[in-house]
Amino acid sequence: MSEELKPDPKQTDVQEAELAAQNMVEGKEKVPEVDFDVDYEASKEYSVSDVDKSEAGS
């Protein structure tokens, strides 16, 4: 599931983030794509420690 980010310069806390969001709105910077399904599957590789995979973690 790919989702398009829609930056809103008024919702930023930092001036640099506001500038980046404004540049995305104006088309000066590429808006990143987020694929939650791919990210979630990749995160599963890091969700279990090596100890937990062994008998020592039982």
PDB file of N, CA and C in Angstrom:
ATOM      1  N   MET A   1       0.845  -1.166   0.000  1.00  0.00           N
ATOM      2  CA  MET A   1       0.000   0.000   0.000  1.00  0.00           C
ATOM      3  C   MET A   1       0.895   1.234   0.000  1.00  0.00           C
ATOM      4  N   SER A   2       0.941   1.920  -1.095  1.00  0.00           N
ATOM      5  CA  SER A   2       1.732   3.132  -1.217  1.00  0.00           C
ATOM      6  C   SER A   2       0.828   4.319  -0.935  1.00  0.00           C
ATOM      7  N   GLU A   3       1.360   5.257  -0.193  1.00  0.00           N
ATOM      8  CA  GLU A   3       0.550   6.408   0.181  1.00  0.00           C
ATOM      9  C   GLU A   3       1.293   7.685  -0.174  1.00  0.00           C
ATOM     10  N   GLU A   4       0.584   8.652  -0.718  1.00  0.00           N
ATOM     11  CA  GLU A   4       1.200   9.912  -1.096  1.00  0.00           C
ATOM     12  C   GLU A   4       1.191  10.855   0.098  1.00  0.00           C
ATOM     13  N   LEU A   5       2.348  11.434   0.376  1.00  0.00           N
ATOM     14  CA  LEU A   5       2.439  12.423   1.440  1.00  0.00           C
ATOM     15  C   LEU A   5       1.961  13.758   0.904  1.00  0.00           C
ATOM     16  N   LYS A   6       1.241  14.484   1.730  1.00  0.00           N
ATOM     17  CA  LYS A   6       0.780  15.811   1.344  1.00  0.00           C
ATOM     18  C   LYS A   6       1.285  16.790   2.395  1.00  0.00           C
ATOM     19  N   PRO A   7       2.455  17.391   2.142  1.00  0.00           N
ATOM     20  CA  PRO A   7       3.037  18.282   3.139  1.00  0.00           C
ATOM     21  C   PRO A   7       2.209  19.544   3.335  1.00  0.00           C
ATOM     22  N   ASP A   8       2.149  19.989   4.557  1.00  0.00           N
ATOM     23  CA  ASP A   8       1.445  21.223   4.889  1.00  0.00           C
ATOM     24  C   ASP A   8       2.424  22.120   5.648  1.00  0.00           C
ATOM     25  N   PRO A   9       2.930  23.150   5.002  1.00  0.00           N
ATOM     26  CA  PRO A   9       3.922  24.020   5.649  1.00  0.00           C
ATOM     27  C   PRO A   9       3.447  24.624   6.969  1.00  0.00           C
ATOM     28  N   LYS A  10       2.152  24.747   7.172  1.00  0.00           N
ATOM     29  CA  LYS A  10       1.627  25.347   8.397  1.00  0.00           C
ATOM     30  C   LYS A  10       1.668  24.382   9.587  1.00  0.00           C
ATOM     31  N   GLN A  11       1.952  23.098   9.339  1.00  0.00           N
ATOM     32  CA  GLN A  11       1.963  22.112  10.414  1.00  0.00           C
ATOM     33  C   GLN A  11       3.373  21.726  10.840  1.00  0.00           C
ATOM     34  N   THR A  12       4.363  22.533  10.531  1.00  0.00           N
ATOM     35  CA  THR A  12       5.739  22.205  10.881  1.00  0.00           C
ATOM     36  C   THR A  12       6.185  22.995  12.100  1.00  0.00           C
ATOM     37  N   ASP A  13       7.132  22.410  12.832  1.00  0.00           N
ATOM     38  CA  ASP A  13       7.655  23.057  14.031  1.00  0.00           C
ATOM     39  C   ASP A  13       8.994  23.735  13.785  1.00  0.00           C
ATOM     40  N   VAL A  14       9.655  23.355  12.719  1.00  0.00           N
ATOM     41  CA  VAL A  14      11.007  23.836  12.473  1.00  0.00           C
ATOM     42  C   VAL A  14      11.051  24.569  11.136  1.00  0.00           C
ATOM     43  N   GLN A  15      11.797  25.642  11.098  1.00  0.00           N
ATOM     44  CA  GLN A  15      11.868  26.457   9.888  1.00  0.00           C
ATOM     45  C   GLN A  15      12.358  25.648   8.691  1.00  0.00           C
ATOM     46  N   GLU A  16      13.342  24.770   8.895  1.00  0.00           N
ATOM     47  CA  GLU A  16      13.859  23.955   7.793  1.00  0.00           C
ATOM     48  C   GLU A  16      12.790  23.007   7.261  1.00  0.00           C
ATOM     49  N   ALA A  17      11.991  22.444   8.147  1.00  0.00           N
ATOM     50  CA  ALA A  17      10.904  21.568   7.728  1.00  0.00           C
ATOM     51  C   ALA A  17       9.834  22.360   6.978  1.00  0.00           C
ATOM     52  N   GLU A  18       9.585  23.561   7.422  1.00  0.00           N
ATOM     53  CA  GLU A  18       8.609  24.417   6.740  1.00  0.00           C
ATOM     54  C   GLU A  18       9.072  24.733   5.318  1.00  0.00           C
ATOM     55  N   LEU A  19      10.362  25.031   5.156  1.00  0.00           N
ATOM     56  CA  LEU A  19      10.911  25.325   3.838  1.00  0.00           C
ATOM     57  C   LEU A  19      10.827  24.092   2.935  1.00  0.00           C
ATOM     58  N   ALA A  20      11.165  22.914   3.477  1.00  0.00           N
ATOM     59  CA  ALA A  20      11.086  21.685   2.690  1.00  0.00           C
ATOM     60  C   ALA A  20       9.647  21.415   2.259  1.00  0.00           C
ATOM     61  N   ALA A  21       8.704  21.586   3.169  1.00  0.00           N
ATOM     62  CA  ALA A  21       7.298  21.360   2.842  1.00  0.00           C
ATOM     63  C   ALA A  21       6.826  22.349   1.772  1.00  0.00           C
ATOM     64  N   GLN A  22       7.233  23.594   1.897  1.00  0.00           N
ATOM     65  CA  GLN A  22       6.844  24.603   0.916  1.00  0.00           C
ATOM     66  C   GLN A  22       7.428  24.265  -0.456  1.00  0.00           C
ATOM     67  N   ASN A  23       8.689  23.804  -0.473  1.00  0.00           N
ATOM     68  CA  ASN A  23       9.321  23.417  -1.733  1.00  0.00           C
ATOM     69  C   ASN A  23       8.615  22.223  -2.372  1.00  0.00           C
ATOM     70  N   MET A  24       8.116  21.309  -1.562  1.00  0.00           N
ATOM     71  CA  MET A  24       7.375  20.160  -2.094  1.00  0.00           C
ATOM     72  C   MET A  24       6.049  20.615  -2.695  1.00  0.00           C
ATOM     73  N   VAL A  25       5.375  21.527  -2.014  1.00  0.00           N
ATOM     74  CA  VAL A  25       4.099  22.045  -2.509  1.00  0.00           C
ATOM     75  C   VAL A  25       4.307  22.757  -3.843  1.00  0.00           C
ATOM     76  N   GLU A  26       5.395  23.490  -3.952  1.00  0.00           N
ATOM     77  CA  GLU A  26       5.681  24.249  -5.176  1.00  0.00           C
ATOM     78  C   GLU A  26       6.307  23.388  -6.269  1.00  0.00           C
ATOM     79  N   GLY A  27       6.625  22.144  -5.958  1.00  0.00           N
ATOM     80  CA  GLY A  27       7.202  21.250  -6.958  1.00  0.00           C
ATOM     81  C   GLY A  27       8.707  21.375  -7.114  1.00  0.00           C
ATOM     82  N   LYS A  28       9.355  22.090  -6.215  1.00  0.00           N
ATOM     83  CA  LYS A  28      10.809  22.253  -6.278  1.00  0.00           C
ATOM     84  C   LYS A  28      11.533  21.033  -5.706  1.00  0.00           C
ATOM     85  N   GLU A  29      10.882  20.314  -4.809  1.00  0.00           N
ATOM     86  CA  GLU A  29      11.447  19.111  -4.210  1.00  0.00           C
ATOM     87  C   GLU A  29      10.480  17.966  -4.432  1.00  0.00           C
ATOM     88  N   LYS A  30      11.044  16.774  -4.593  1.00  0.00           N
ATOM     89  CA  LYS A  30      10.231  15.585  -4.791  1.00  0.00           C
ATOM     90  C   LYS A  30       9.561  15.185  -3.469  1.00  0.00           C
ATOM     91  N   VAL A  31       8.302  14.844  -3.543  1.00  0.00           N
ATOM     92  CA  VAL A  31       7.570  14.359  -2.373  1.00  0.00           C
ATOM     93  C   VAL A  31       7.876  12.867  -2.230  1.00  0.00           C
ATOM     94  N   PRO A  32       8.405  12.444  -1.083  1.00  0.00           N
ATOM     95  CA  PRO A  32       8.754  11.031  -0.921  1.00  0.00           C
ATOM     96  C   PRO A  32       7.514  10.144  -0.915  1.00  0.00           C
ATOM     97  N   GLU A  33       7.674   8.942  -1.458  1.00  0.00           N
ATOM     98  CA  GLU A  33       6.596   7.951  -1.419  1.00  0.00           C
ATOM     99  C   GLU A  33       6.830   7.039  -0.216  1.00  0.00           C
ATOM    100  N   VAL A  34       5.765   6.676   0.429  1.00  0.00           N
ATOM    101  CA  VAL A  34       5.842   5.795   1.582  1.00  0.00           C
ATOM    102  C   VAL A  34       5.046   4.540   1.275  1.00  0.00           C
ATOM    103  N   ASP A  35       5.693   3.394   1.377  1.00  0.00           N
ATOM    104  CA  ASP A  35       5.014   2.121   1.173  1.00  0.00           C
ATOM    105  C   ASP A  35       5.019   1.386   2.510  1.00  0.00           C
ATOM    106  N   PHE A  36       3.924   1.507   3.239  1.00  0.00           N
ATOM    107  CA  PHE A  36       3.853   0.975   4.587  1.00  0.00           C
ATOM    108  C   PHE A  36       4.007  -0.538   4.629  1.00  0.00           C
ATOM    109  N   ASP A  37       3.469  -1.223   3.646  1.00  0.00           N
ATOM    110  CA  ASP A  37       3.571  -2.685   3.634  1.00  0.00           C
ATOM    111  C   ASP A  37       5.014  -3.138   3.505  1.00  0.00           C
ATOM    112  N   VAL A  38       5.765  -2.522   2.606  1.00  0.00           N
ATOM    113  CA  VAL A  38       7.173  -2.885   2.425  1.00  0.00           C
ATOM    114  C   VAL A  38       7.972  -2.540   3.678  1.00  0.00           C
ATOM    115  N   ASP A  39       7.720  -1.373   4.248  1.00  0.00           N
ATOM    116  CA  ASP A  39       8.428  -0.976   5.460  1.00  0.00           C
ATOM    117  C   ASP A  39       8.111  -1.913   6.620  1.00  0.00           C
ATOM    118  N   TYR A  40       6.863  -2.320   6.734  1.00  0.00           N
ATOM    119  CA  TYR A  40       6.470  -3.231   7.818  1.00  0.00           C
ATOM    120  C   TYR A  40       7.153  -4.581   7.658  1.00  0.00           C
ATOM    121  N   GLU A  41       7.180  -5.108   6.442  1.00  0.00           N
ATOM    122  CA  GLU A  41       7.839  -6.398   6.205  1.00  0.00           C
ATOM    123  C   GLU A  41       9.328  -6.305   6.512  1.00  0.00           C
ATOM    124  N   ALA A  42       9.957  -5.207   6.127  1.00  0.00           N
ATOM    125  CA  ALA A  42      11.380  -5.020   6.408  1.00  0.00           C
ATOM    126  C   ALA A  42      11.631  -4.908   7.904  1.00  0.00           C
ATOM    127  N   SER A  43      10.713  -4.290   8.631  1.00  0.00           N
ATOM    128  CA  SER A  43      10.898  -4.118  10.075  1.00  0.00           C
ATOM    129  C   SER A  43      10.851  -5.444  10.822  1.00  0.00           C
ATOM    130  N   LYS A  44      10.202  -6.435  10.264  1.00  0.00           N
ATOM    131  CA  LYS A  44      10.113  -7.737  10.926  1.00  0.00           C
ATOM    132  C   LYS A  44      11.485  -8.382  11.088  1.00  0.00           C
ATOM    133  N   GLU A  45      12.416  -8.054  10.210  1.00  0.00           N
ATOM    134  CA  GLU A  45      13.762  -8.608  10.309  1.00  0.00           C
ATOM    135  C   GLU A  45      14.467  -8.120  11.568  1.00  0.00           C
ATOM    136  N   TYR A  46      14.061  -6.970  12.088  1.00  0.00           N
ATOM    137  CA  TYR A  46      14.731  -6.384  13.242  1.00  0.00           C
ATOM    138  C   TYR A  46      13.926  -6.514  14.534  1.00  0.00           C
ATOM    139  N   SER A  47      12.774  -7.120  14.467  1.00  0.00           N
ATOM    140  CA  SER A  47      11.899  -7.116  15.631  1.00  0.00           C
ATOM    141  C   SER A  47      12.223  -8.215  16.646  1.00  0.00           C
ATOM    142  N   VAL A  48      13.087  -9.174  16.297  1.00  0.00           N
ATOM    143  CA  VAL A  48      13.422 -10.262  17.207  1.00  0.00           C
ATOM    144  C   VAL A  48      14.928 -10.299  17.388  1.00  0.00           C
ATOM    145  N   SER A  49      15.360 -10.275  18.647  1.00  0.00           N
ATOM    146  CA  SER A  49      16.801 -10.298  18.908  1.00  0.00           C
ATOM    147  C   SER A  49      17.356 -11.704  18.717  1.00  0.00           C
ATOM    148  N   ASP A  50      18.663 -11.799  18.540  1.00  0.00           N
ATOM    149  CA  ASP A  50      19.326 -13.098  18.361  1.00  0.00           C
ATOM    150  C   ASP A  50      19.136 -13.979  19.593  1.00  0.00           C
ATOM    151  N   VAL A  51      19.122 -13.371  20.784  1.00  0.00           N
ATOM    152  CA  VAL A  51      18.922 -14.147  22.019  1.00  0.00           C
ATOM    153  C   VAL A  51      17.539 -14.795  22.000  1.00  0.00           C
ATOM    154  N   ASP A  52      16.545 -14.058  21.554  1.00  0.00           N
ATOM    155  CA  ASP A  52      15.200 -14.589  21.529  1.00  0.00           C
ATOM    156  C   ASP A  52      15.032 -15.724  20.521  1.00  0.00           C
ATOM    157  N   LYS A  53      15.894 -15.742  19.517  1.00  0.00           N
ATOM    158  CA  LYS A  53      15.833 -16.804  18.520  1.00  0.00           C
ATOM    159  C   LYS A  53      16.493 -18.088  19.012  1.00  0.00           C
ATOM    160  N   SER A  54      17.243 -18.012  20.093  1.00  0.00           N
ATOM    161  CA  SER A  54      17.974 -19.180  20.622  1.00  0.00           C
ATOM    162  C   SER A  54      17.254 -19.746  21.839  1.00  0.00           C
ATOM    163  N   GLU A  55      17.766 -20.852  22.328  1.00  0.00           N
ATOM    164  CA  GLU A  55      17.226 -21.478  23.553  1.00  0.00           C
ATOM    165  C   GLU A  55      17.443 -20.588  24.764  1.00  0.00           C
ATOM    166  N   ALA A  56      18.477 -19.769  24.748  1.00  0.00           N
ATOM    167  CA  ALA A  56      18.772 -18.893  25.879  1.00  0.00           C
ATOM    168  C   ALA A  56      17.655 -17.886  26.107  1.00  0.00           C
ATOM    169  N   GLY A  57      16.937 -17.560  25.070  1.00  0.00           N
ATOM    170  CA  GLY A  57      15.866 -16.592  25.195  1.00  0.00           C
ATOM    171  C   GLY A  57      14.541 -17.191  25.653  1.00  0.00           C
ATOM    172  N   SER A  58      14.507 -18.486  25.826  1.00  0.00           N
ATOM    173  CA  SER A  58      13.268 -19.159  26.240  1.00  0.00           C
ATOM    174  C   SER A  58      12.921 -18.909  27.681  1.00  0.00           C
TER     175      SER A  58
END
